[in-house]
């Protein structure tokens, strides 16, 4: 949540096209996370679904870290 807040605060320092692509990618990842969670409700012990959820969350975290680095100059 901190990374999302930092990105939201710094988005004005990014090119509008970059913001559009970031938002599109985050939306895609969020959909994958939601779908994985929904599937896990029916099959909580499914190793593949658990791995997919973990992977999607890691991708989101990595994207947010890279994006916030762009906004803060880090």
N, C-alpha and C. Protein backbone atom coordinates (compact mmCIF):
# COMPACT_ATOMS: atom_id res chain seq x y z
N UNK A 1 0.82 -1.19 0.00
CA UNK A 1 0.00 0.00 0.00
C UNK A 1 0.87 1.26 0.00
N UNK A 2 2.00 1.19 0.70
CA UNK A 2 2.91 2.33 0.71
C UNK A 2 3.43 2.63 -0.69
N UNK A 3 3.78 1.58 -1.43
CA UNK A 3 4.28 1.77 -2.79
C UNK A 3 3.19 2.34 -3.69
N UNK A 4 1.97 1.86 -3.53
CA UNK A 4 0.87 2.39 -4.33
C UNK A 4 0.63 3.86 -4.03
N UNK A 5 0.72 4.22 -2.77
CA UNK A 5 0.54 5.62 -2.37
C UNK A 5 1.67 6.49 -2.93
N UNK A 6 2.90 6.00 -2.84
CA UNK A 6 4.04 6.74 -3.38
C UNK A 6 3.91 6.93 -4.88
N UNK A 7 3.47 5.89 -5.57
CA UNK A 7 3.26 6.00 -7.01
C UNK A 7 2.17 7.02 -7.33
N UNK A 8 1.09 6.98 -6.59
CA UNK A 8 -0.01 7.92 -6.83
C UNK A 8 0.46 9.36 -6.60
N UNK A 9 1.26 9.57 -5.58
CA UNK A 9 1.76 10.91 -5.28
C UNK A 9 2.75 11.40 -6.33
N UNK A 10 3.51 10.48 -6.93
CA UNK A 10 4.54 10.89 -7.87
C UNK A 10 4.19 10.74 -9.33
N UNK A 11 2.97 10.34 -9.62
CA UNK A 11 2.60 10.08 -11.01
C UNK A 11 2.69 11.32 -11.89
N UNK A 12 2.58 12.50 -11.32
CA UNK A 12 2.69 13.72 -12.09
C UNK A 12 4.09 13.95 -12.65
N UNK A 13 5.07 13.25 -12.10
CA UNK A 13 6.45 13.37 -12.59
C UNK A 13 6.75 12.41 -13.73
N UNK A 14 5.76 11.59 -14.07
CA UNK A 14 5.95 10.61 -15.14
C UNK A 14 5.25 11.04 -16.42
N UNK A 15 5.78 10.57 -17.52
CA UNK A 15 5.16 10.81 -18.81
C UNK A 15 3.76 10.17 -18.81
N UNK A 16 2.76 10.84 -19.36
CA UNK A 16 1.40 10.29 -19.37
C UNK A 16 1.31 8.89 -20.01
N UNK A 17 2.09 8.64 -21.03
CA UNK A 17 2.08 7.32 -21.66
C UNK A 17 2.64 6.26 -20.69
N UNK A 18 3.65 6.62 -19.94
CA UNK A 18 4.21 5.71 -18.94
C UNK A 18 3.16 5.39 -17.88
N UNK A 19 2.44 6.41 -17.43
CA UNK A 19 1.38 6.22 -16.44
C UNK A 19 0.31 5.30 -17.00
N UNK A 20 -0.06 5.50 -18.26
CA UNK A 20 -1.09 4.67 -18.88
C UNK A 20 -0.66 3.20 -18.91
N UNK A 21 0.57 2.96 -19.30
CA UNK A 21 1.08 1.59 -19.38
C UNK A 21 1.16 0.97 -17.99
N UNK A 22 1.65 1.73 -17.03
CA UNK A 22 1.71 1.23 -15.65
C UNK A 22 0.34 0.86 -15.13
N UNK A 23 -0.62 1.74 -15.32
CA UNK A 23 -1.97 1.46 -14.85
C UNK A 23 -2.57 0.25 -15.53
N UNK A 24 -2.32 0.11 -16.81
CA UNK A 24 -2.82 -1.04 -17.55
C UNK A 24 -2.21 -2.33 -17.01
N UNK A 25 -0.90 -2.31 -16.78
CA UNK A 25 -0.22 -3.50 -16.26
C UNK A 25 -0.67 -3.83 -14.84
N UNK A 26 -0.84 -2.81 -14.01
CA UNK A 26 -1.31 -3.06 -12.65
C UNK A 26 -2.72 -3.62 -12.65
N UNK A 27 -3.56 -3.13 -13.55
CA UNK A 27 -4.92 -3.64 -13.65
C UNK A 27 -4.92 -5.12 -14.06
N UNK A 28 -4.07 -5.47 -14.99
CA UNK A 28 -3.97 -6.87 -15.43
C UNK A 28 -3.51 -7.76 -14.29
N UNK A 29 -2.51 -7.30 -13.55
CA UNK A 29 -2.01 -8.08 -12.41
C UNK A 29 -3.08 -8.19 -11.32
N UNK A 30 -3.78 -7.09 -11.05
CA UNK A 30 -4.84 -7.13 -10.04
C UNK A 30 -5.95 -8.11 -10.43
N UNK A 31 -6.26 -8.19 -11.71
CA UNK A 31 -7.27 -9.16 -12.17
C UNK A 31 -6.78 -10.59 -11.93
N UNK A 32 -5.52 -10.84 -12.22
CA UNK A 32 -4.95 -12.17 -12.00
C UNK A 32 -4.98 -12.53 -10.52
N UNK A 33 -4.67 -11.57 -9.67
CA UNK A 33 -4.71 -11.81 -8.23
C UNK A 33 -6.14 -12.12 -7.79
N UNK A 34 -7.09 -11.34 -8.25
CA UNK A 34 -8.50 -11.57 -7.88
C UNK A 34 -8.99 -12.92 -8.37
N UNK A 35 -8.63 -13.30 -9.59
CA UNK A 35 -9.04 -14.59 -10.13
C UNK A 35 -8.42 -15.74 -9.34
N UNK A 36 -7.16 -15.58 -8.95
CA UNK A 36 -6.50 -16.62 -8.17
C UNK A 36 -7.17 -16.77 -6.80
N UNK A 37 -7.46 -15.65 -6.18
CA UNK A 37 -8.13 -15.70 -4.87
C UNK A 37 -9.50 -16.38 -4.98
N UNK A 38 -10.23 -16.02 -6.02
CA UNK A 38 -11.55 -16.60 -6.22
C UNK A 38 -11.44 -18.12 -6.43
N UNK A 39 -10.49 -18.53 -7.24
CA UNK A 39 -10.31 -19.96 -7.49
C UNK A 39 -9.88 -20.69 -6.22
N UNK A 40 -9.06 -20.04 -5.41
CA UNK A 40 -8.60 -20.66 -4.17
C UNK A 40 -9.72 -20.84 -3.15
N UNK A 41 -10.77 -20.04 -3.26
CA UNK A 41 -11.91 -20.23 -2.37
C UNK A 41 -12.53 -21.60 -2.59
N UNK A 42 -12.53 -22.06 -3.83
CA UNK A 42 -13.09 -23.37 -4.16
C UNK A 42 -12.11 -24.51 -3.93
N UNK A 43 -10.82 -24.20 -4.01
CA UNK A 43 -9.80 -25.25 -3.90
C UNK A 43 -8.57 -24.69 -3.17
N UNK A 44 -8.70 -24.46 -1.85
CA UNK A 44 -7.63 -23.80 -1.11
C UNK A 44 -6.31 -24.57 -1.05
N UNK A 45 -6.34 -25.86 -1.28
CA UNK A 45 -5.11 -26.63 -1.21
C UNK A 45 -4.39 -26.79 -2.53
N UNK A 46 -4.89 -26.14 -3.57
CA UNK A 46 -4.32 -26.28 -4.90
C UNK A 46 -2.97 -25.58 -4.97
N UNK A 47 -1.93 -26.37 -5.15
CA UNK A 47 -0.56 -25.83 -5.17
C UNK A 47 -0.35 -24.89 -6.35
N UNK A 48 -0.88 -25.25 -7.51
CA UNK A 48 -0.72 -24.40 -8.69
C UNK A 48 -1.36 -23.03 -8.44
N UNK A 49 -2.57 -23.01 -7.92
CA UNK A 49 -3.26 -21.74 -7.68
C UNK A 49 -2.53 -20.90 -6.65
N UNK A 50 -2.04 -21.55 -5.59
CA UNK A 50 -1.27 -20.82 -4.58
C UNK A 50 0.00 -20.23 -5.18
N UNK A 51 0.68 -21.01 -6.01
CA UNK A 51 1.90 -20.52 -6.67
C UNK A 51 1.59 -19.37 -7.61
N UNK A 52 0.47 -19.49 -8.33
CA UNK A 52 0.08 -18.43 -9.26
C UNK A 52 -0.22 -17.13 -8.51
N UNK A 53 -0.90 -17.24 -7.38
CA UNK A 53 -1.20 -16.06 -6.57
C UNK A 53 0.07 -15.41 -6.05
N UNK A 54 0.96 -16.21 -5.54
CA UNK A 54 2.23 -15.68 -5.03
C UNK A 54 3.01 -15.00 -6.16
N UNK A 55 3.06 -15.63 -7.32
CA UNK A 55 3.77 -15.07 -8.46
C UNK A 55 3.16 -13.73 -8.90
N UNK A 56 1.85 -13.67 -8.96
CA UNK A 56 1.18 -12.43 -9.37
C UNK A 56 1.45 -11.32 -8.37
N UNK A 57 1.42 -11.64 -7.09
CA UNK A 57 1.69 -10.63 -6.07
C UNK A 57 3.15 -10.15 -6.14
N UNK A 58 4.06 -11.06 -6.44
CA UNK A 58 5.47 -10.68 -6.59
C UNK A 58 5.67 -9.78 -7.81
N UNK A 59 4.96 -10.10 -8.92
CA UNK A 59 5.05 -9.25 -10.11
C UNK A 59 4.54 -7.85 -9.81
N UNK A 60 3.44 -7.76 -9.08
CA UNK A 60 2.88 -6.45 -8.74
C UNK A 60 3.87 -5.68 -7.87
N UNK A 61 4.43 -6.33 -6.89
CA UNK A 61 5.39 -5.67 -6.02
C UNK A 61 6.60 -5.17 -6.81
N UNK A 62 7.12 -6.00 -7.70
CA UNK A 62 8.27 -5.60 -8.52
C UNK A 62 7.93 -4.41 -9.41
N UNK A 63 6.76 -4.44 -10.02
CA UNK A 63 6.35 -3.33 -10.87
C UNK A 63 6.19 -2.05 -10.06
N UNK A 64 5.57 -2.15 -8.90
CA UNK A 64 5.40 -0.97 -8.06
C UNK A 64 6.75 -0.41 -7.61
N UNK A 65 7.68 -1.29 -7.28
CA UNK A 65 9.02 -0.82 -6.87
C UNK A 65 9.71 -0.08 -8.01
N UNK A 66 9.64 -0.65 -9.22
CA UNK A 66 10.28 0.02 -10.36
C UNK A 66 9.61 1.35 -10.65
N UNK A 67 8.28 1.37 -10.59
CA UNK A 67 7.54 2.59 -10.91
C UNK A 67 7.80 3.68 -9.87
N UNK A 68 7.81 3.31 -8.61
CA UNK A 68 8.06 4.33 -7.59
C UNK A 68 9.50 4.84 -7.66
N UNK A 69 10.41 4.00 -8.08
CA UNK A 69 11.80 4.44 -8.26
C UNK A 69 11.86 5.52 -9.35
N UNK A 70 11.03 5.39 -10.37
CA UNK A 70 10.99 6.39 -11.42
C UNK A 70 10.45 7.72 -10.89
N UNK A 71 9.50 7.67 -9.97
CA UNK A 71 8.89 8.90 -9.46
C UNK A 71 9.75 9.60 -8.42
N UNK A 72 10.59 8.82 -7.74
CA UNK A 72 11.41 9.40 -6.68
C UNK A 72 12.86 9.63 -7.11
N UNK A 73 13.20 9.13 -8.27
CA UNK A 73 14.57 9.28 -8.76
C UNK A 73 15.54 8.36 -8.09
N UNK A 74 15.04 7.33 -7.42
CA UNK A 74 15.92 6.37 -6.72
C UNK A 74 16.51 5.35 -7.67
